[in-house]
Amino acid sequence: KPLPADPPRLELTLDSLLQAACSAARGSAQGISGWRYEHIRFFLPGDGSGGGAGSCALLTVAQCLAAGNAPPSLLRLIASGRSFALNKDTKGDKVRSITIGDVLRR
């Protein structure tokens, strides 16, 4: 089935951003930006009261990224990931590549 010509826009609210940030695992690895979920939680009120300048700024950034309203270089950076290799065996003959997507994209 083909996609609609004008797909519905993703609605991001402070509540949905808070819910996503609070449900994410603590200590998750950072992506290319260096941000972790703890950094995002810092800007959001723990009680869901909303309101502060930091939470409004973070919501604005998230809404712009979701709508694709950001410089192309930033969108490419957020779409990329941080990669490294892990040994699959004790000899080190085989490796498994791991790529970590950015928190702002997750």
Protein backbone atom coordinates (compact mmCIF):
# COMPACT_ATOMS: atom_id res chain seq x y z
CA LYS A 1 0.00 0.00 0.00
CA PRO A 2 1.55 3.35 -0.99
CA LEU A 3 2.19 5.99 1.63
CA PRO A 4 -0.21 8.92 1.70
CA ALA A 5 1.00 12.03 -0.11
CA ASP A 6 0.70 14.06 3.10
CA PRO A 7 1.34 11.70 6.06
CA PRO A 8 0.05 12.78 9.47
CA ARG A 9 2.52 14.75 11.57
CA LEU A 10 3.94 13.22 14.70
CA GLU A 11 2.57 15.03 17.74
CA LEU A 12 5.13 15.46 20.50
CA THR A 13 4.05 16.81 23.86
CA LEU A 14 5.98 17.45 27.03
CA ASP A 15 4.11 14.54 28.64
CA SER A 16 5.07 12.09 25.86
CA LEU A 17 8.69 13.27 25.99
CA LEU A 18 8.75 12.85 29.78
CA GLN A 19 7.21 9.38 29.54
CA ALA A 20 9.76 8.27 26.93
CA ALA A 21 12.71 9.67 28.88
CA CYS A 22 11.57 8.13 32.18
CA SER A 23 10.90 4.70 30.69
CA ALA A 24 14.34 4.51 29.04
CA ALA A 25 17.03 2.45 30.73
CA ARG A 26 19.47 4.35 32.92
CA GLY A 27 23.10 4.09 31.88
CA SER A 28 22.35 3.48 28.20
CA ALA A 29 25.30 4.29 26.00
CA GLN A 30 25.44 7.71 24.41
CA GLY A 31 25.32 8.17 20.69
CA ILE A 32 27.22 10.56 18.47
CA SER A 33 26.03 13.66 20.40
CA GLY A 34 27.33 12.31 23.70
CA TRP A 35 23.90 12.70 25.33
CA ARG A 36 22.42 10.03 27.56
CA TYR A 37 18.81 9.70 28.72
CA GLU A 38 19.92 11.18 32.04
CA HIS A 39 20.81 14.40 30.23
CA ILE A 40 17.31 14.62 28.77
CA ARG A 41 15.73 13.82 32.15
CA PHE A 42 17.69 16.72 33.67
CA PHE A 43 15.65 19.17 31.57
CA LEU A 44 12.31 17.58 32.38
CA PRO A 45 10.44 17.91 35.67
CA GLY A 46 10.26 14.59 37.49
CA ASP A 47 6.70 15.18 38.63
CA GLY A 48 5.37 15.92 35.14
CA SER A 49 4.57 19.54 36.03
CA GLY A 50 6.23 20.85 32.88
CA GLY A 51 6.97 24.46 32.38
CA GLY A 52 10.65 25.33 32.85
CA ALA A 53 12.71 27.01 30.15
CA GLY A 54 14.88 23.91 29.74
CA SER A 55 11.91 21.62 29.16
CA CYS A 56 10.38 24.04 26.65
CA ALA A 57 13.67 24.26 24.76
CA LEU A 58 14.07 20.48 24.73
CA LEU A 59 10.50 20.02 23.50
CA THR A 60 11.12 22.55 20.71
CA VAL A 61 14.27 20.70 19.62
CA ALA A 62 12.43 17.35 19.66
CA GLN A 63 9.51 18.76 17.65
CA CYS A 64 11.85 20.29 15.06
CA LEU A 65 13.77 17.03 14.66
CA ALA A 66 10.54 15.00 14.36
CA ALA A 67 9.27 17.35 11.66
CA GLY A 68 12.61 17.34 9.81
CA ASN A 69 13.01 21.07 10.44
CA ALA A 70 16.72 21.11 11.19
CA PRO A 71 19.85 21.76 9.17
CA PRO A 72 20.60 18.78 6.89
CA SER A 73 24.03 18.37 8.49
CA LEU A 74 22.41 17.96 11.93
CA LEU A 75 19.85 15.48 10.59
CA ARG A 76 22.66 13.42 9.02
CA LEU A 77 24.63 13.53 12.27
CA ILE A 78 21.63 12.40 14.36
CA ALA A 79 20.88 9.64 11.82
CA SER A 80 24.40 8.26 12.14
CA GLY A 81 25.71 6.24 15.04
CA ARG A 82 28.77 5.52 17.11
CA SER A 83 30.29 2.17 16.14
CA PHE A 84 32.78 -0.21 17.68
CA ALA A 85 33.66 -3.91 17.43
CA LEU A 86 33.45 -6.66 20.06
CA ASN A 87 35.32 -9.96 19.87
CA LYS A 88 32.96 -12.87 19.25
CA ASP A 89 35.48 -15.52 20.26
CA THR A 90 38.52 -15.83 22.52
CA LYS A 91 40.95 -15.89 19.59
CA GLY A 92 39.73 -12.55 18.33
CA ASP A 93 39.21 -13.99 14.84
CA LYS A 94 35.60 -12.89 14.64
CA VAL A 95 34.12 -9.56 15.62
CA ARG A 96 30.61 -8.26 16.03
CA SER A 97 30.02 -4.68 15.00
CA ILE A 98 27.88 -2.60 17.34
CA THR A 99 26.34 0.73 16.37
CA ILE A 100 24.68 2.97 18.94
CA GLY A 101 22.04 5.37 17.68
CA ASP A 102 21.75 8.80 19.21
CA VAL A 103 19.42 9.41 22.16
CA LEU A 104 17.72 12.26 20.30
CA ARG A 105 16.77 9.83 17.55
CA ARG A 106 15.76 6.92 19.77
